[in-house]
Amino acid sequence: MAAQDIIFAGFGGQGILSMGKFLAYAGMDINMNVSWLPSYGPEMRGGTANCSVILSDDPVGSPIVVNPTSLVVMNRPSLDKFEKDLEPGGLLILDSDLIERQIERTDIDVIRIPAQTEADKIGSKQIANMVLLGALVAKTQIVSMEVLLQSLKDHGKEKFYEVNKKALEIGASYVK
């Protein structure tokens, strides 16, 4: 499996760091080399938040991701900040409910998902992050959905498991 260097970005409170953490746990659970590096402004909730996640079969030299292979964004400032850094041929997944502007690049794969709308249908806009994570895993195949679900079971809160599972499956359906 090729390595993935991923940046998850959005506002604090959107579950940006959680998305990265669950993916990192999933990679660890199947013995991949993993790094998870959170970054957030002093404002926290409402401020910007992002995290870099690297999953690789090879040792990870540095946790810093400069040119991600995949980018998952949940707000316009994050798109503005990171779009130019995405590797040519890279994957951009965005919440189309929160980001209306057109993508400037033509050399990347773009998946637009109305994640807020989809999450709301399940019962909580707070799981929009999991909708996007489901699409990322389905598209990149960096870990299997089964491994990610097991990671959620082992490292997440049990009471949120079913709703998170549903959100991941909806996100994955946008890729198929």
Protein backbone atom coordinates (compact mmCIF):
# COMPACT_ATOMS: atom_id res chain seq x y z
CA MET A 1 0.00 0.00 0.00
CA ALA A 2 1.31 3.41 -0.95
CA ALA A 3 1.71 5.93 1.83
CA GLN A 4 -0.92 8.58 2.38
CA ASP A 5 -0.08 12.06 3.67
CA ILE A 6 -3.39 13.61 4.66
CA ILE A 7 -4.45 16.99 5.99
CA PHE A 8 -7.84 17.34 7.67
CA ALA A 9 -8.84 20.99 8.15
CA GLY A 10 -11.78 23.12 9.26
CA PHE A 11 -13.08 25.05 12.25
CA GLY A 12 -12.49 23.93 15.82
CA GLY A 13 -15.48 21.93 17.03
CA GLN A 14 -16.11 20.18 13.68
CA GLY A 15 -14.33 16.99 14.71
CA ILE A 16 -11.26 17.65 12.54
CA LEU A 17 -8.81 16.18 15.05
CA SER A 18 -11.11 13.21 15.74
CA MET A 19 -11.24 12.32 12.04
CA GLY A 20 -7.48 12.17 11.93
CA LYS A 21 -7.21 10.32 15.20
CA PHE A 22 -9.60 7.52 14.20
CA LEU A 23 -7.78 7.07 10.90
CA ALA A 24 -4.42 6.99 12.70
CA TYR A 25 -5.75 4.39 15.17
CA ALA A 26 -7.01 2.28 12.27
CA GLY A 27 -3.55 2.38 10.67
CA MET A 28 -1.90 1.46 13.97
CA ASP A 29 -4.33 -1.40 14.46
CA ILE A 30 -3.07 -3.01 11.23
CA ASN A 31 0.59 -2.33 12.08
CA MET A 32 1.17 0.56 9.69
CA ASN A 33 3.62 3.31 10.60
CA VAL A 34 1.51 6.28 11.63
CA SER A 35 1.80 9.87 12.69
CA TRP A 36 -0.96 12.22 13.87
CA LEU A 37 -0.07 15.87 14.38
CA PRO A 38 -2.82 18.24 15.54
CA SER A 39 -2.66 21.99 15.02
CA TYR A 40 -5.19 24.54 16.18
CA GLY A 41 -5.46 28.23 16.86
CA PRO A 42 -5.83 29.57 20.41
CA GLU A 43 -9.55 30.09 19.83
CA MET A 44 -10.25 26.34 19.62
CA ARG A 45 -14.02 26.14 19.00
CA GLY A 46 -14.68 28.42 16.03
CA GLY A 47 -10.97 28.96 15.35
CA THR A 48 -9.17 26.97 12.69
CA ALA A 49 -8.06 23.43 13.36
CA ASN A 50 -6.16 20.97 11.24
CA CYS A 51 -4.25 17.78 11.65
CA SER A 52 -1.73 15.94 9.57
CA VAL A 53 -1.94 12.18 9.36
CA ILE A 54 0.61 9.94 7.70
CA LEU A 55 -0.03 6.24 7.15
CA SER A 56 2.78 4.25 5.60
CA ASP A 57 4.34 0.82 5.43
CA ASP A 58 7.72 2.57 5.67
CA PRO A 59 9.03 4.45 8.72
CA VAL A 60 7.65 8.00 9.03
CA GLY A 61 10.56 10.44 9.02
CA SER A 62 8.63 13.54 9.99
CA PRO A 63 5.03 14.11 11.12
CA ILE A 64 4.82 17.34 9.12
CA VAL A 65 2.82 17.14 5.89
CA VAL A 66 3.79 19.81 3.37
CA ASN A 67 2.28 18.39 0.17
CA PRO A 68 -0.60 16.10 1.12
CA THR A 69 -1.75 13.27 -1.14
CA SER A 70 -5.26 13.83 0.26
CA LEU A 71 -6.97 16.88 1.72
CA VAL A 72 -10.28 16.88 3.61
CA VAL A 73 -11.68 20.36 4.25
CA MET A 74 -14.75 21.56 6.12
CA ASN A 75 -14.51 25.33 5.59
CA ARG A 76 -13.49 27.92 3.02
CA PRO A 77 -10.45 29.30 4.91
CA SER A 78 -8.98 25.78 5.01
CA LEU A 79 -9.57 25.29 1.29
CA ASP A 80 -7.94 28.66 0.59
CA LYS A 81 -4.96 27.73 2.76
CA PHE A 82 -4.26 24.16 1.64
CA GLU A 83 -5.58 23.72 -1.93
CA LYS A 84 -2.33 24.93 -3.51
CA ASP A 85 -0.27 22.46 -1.44
CA LEU A 86 -2.13 19.34 -2.55
CA GLU A 87 0.06 17.04 -4.61
CA PRO A 88 -0.76 16.94 -8.36
CA GLY A 89 -3.12 13.99 -8.86
CA GLY A 90 -4.11 14.28 -5.20
CA LEU A 91 -7.56 13.92 -3.69
CA LEU A 92 -9.64 16.81 -2.33
CA ILE A 93 -12.78 15.98 -0.35
CA LEU A 94 -14.88 18.91 0.81
CA ASP A 95 -18.14 19.72 2.55
CA SER A 96 -20.15 21.36 -0.24
CA ASP A 97 -22.68 22.67 2.30
CA LEU A 98 -19.99 24.92 3.78
CA ILE A 99 -17.73 25.58 0.77
CA GLU A 100 -19.29 27.13 -2.30
CA ARG A 101 -16.31 28.41 -4.26
CA GLN A 102 -15.01 26.62 -7.30
CA ILE A 103 -11.79 24.65 -7.10
CA GLU A 104 -8.96 26.46 -8.87
CA ARG A 105 -6.92 23.36 -9.71
CA THR A 106 -7.63 21.00 -12.59
CA ASP A 107 -4.89 18.45 -11.76
CA ILE A 108 -6.61 16.95 -8.70
CA ASP A 109 -9.53 14.64 -7.99
CA VAL A 110 -12.39 16.48 -6.23
CA ILE A 111 -15.27 14.94 -4.30
CA ARG A 112 -17.95 17.37 -3.10
CA ILE A 113 -20.25 16.01 -0.42
CA PRO A 114 -23.10 17.90 1.30
CA ALA A 115 -21.87 16.50 4.61
CA GLN A 116 -23.96 18.78 6.86
CA THR A 117 -27.14 17.77 5.02
CA GLU A 118 -26.28 14.07 5.12
CA ALA A 119 -25.33 14.19 8.81
CA ASP A 120 -28.53 16.09 9.62
CA LYS A 121 -30.56 13.29 7.97
CA ILE A 122 -28.97 10.81 10.38
CA GLY A 123 -29.76 13.09 13.29
CA SER A 124 -26.71 15.22 14.05
CA LYS A 125 -24.66 17.73 12.07
CA GLN A 126 -21.82 16.91 14.45
CA ILE A 127 -21.07 13.75 12.49
CA ALA A 128 -20.50 15.52 9.17
CA ASN A 129 -16.80 14.83 9.74
CA MET A 130 -17.46 11.08 9.67
CA VAL A 131 -19.32 11.38 6.36
CA LEU A 132 -16.18 12.91 4.83
CA LEU A 133 -13.91 10.33 6.49
CA GLY A 134 -16.04 7.54 4.99
CA ALA A 135 -15.48 8.97 1.52
CA LEU A 136 -11.73 9.28 2.10
CA VAL A 137 -11.36 5.67 3.21
CA ALA A 138 -13.56 4.36 0.40
CA LYS A 139 -11.65 6.33 -2.25
CA THR A 140 -8.06 5.81 -1.05
CA GLN A 141 -8.48 2.29 0.43
CA ILE A 142 -5.66 3.26 2.83
CA VAL A 143 -7.41 1.08 5.42
CA SER A 144 -10.51 -1.04 4.93
CA MET A 145 -13.87 0.15 6.19
CA GLU A 146 -13.92 -2.89 8.50
CA VAL A 147 -10.63 -1.82 10.10
CA LEU A 148 -11.88 1.77 10.51
CA LEU A 149 -15.13 0.57 12.11
CA GLN A 150 -13.18 -1.65 14.51
CA SER A 151 -10.98 1.33 15.38
CA LEU A 152 -14.12 3.36 16.17
CA LYS A 153 -15.39 0.52 18.34
CA ASP A 154 -12.07 0.17 20.20
CA HIS A 155 -11.15 3.86 20.57
CA GLY A 156 -14.43 5.78 20.32
CA LYS A 157 -17.45 6.17 22.55
CA GLU A 158 -19.78 3.20 22.29
CA LYS A 159 -22.94 5.33 22.33
CA PHE A 160 -21.83 7.05 19.07
CA TYR A 161 -20.76 3.89 17.24
CA GLU A 162 -23.96 3.20 15.27
CA VAL A 163 -24.48 6.79 14.13
CA ASN A 164 -20.80 7.09 13.17
CA LYS A 165 -21.01 3.81 11.24
CA LYS A 166 -24.02 5.14 9.32
CA ALA A 167 -22.18 8.41 8.56
CA LEU A 168 -19.10 6.54 7.28
CA GLU A 169 -21.27 4.38 5.03
CA ILE A 170 -23.04 7.43 3.58
CA GLY A 171 -19.70 9.08 2.84
CA ALA A 172 -18.44 5.90 1.18
CA SER A 173 -21.55 5.82 -1.03
CA TYR A 174 -20.46 9.12 -2.64
CA VAL A 175 -17.37 7.36 -3.98
CA LYS A 176 -19.00 4.23 -5.41
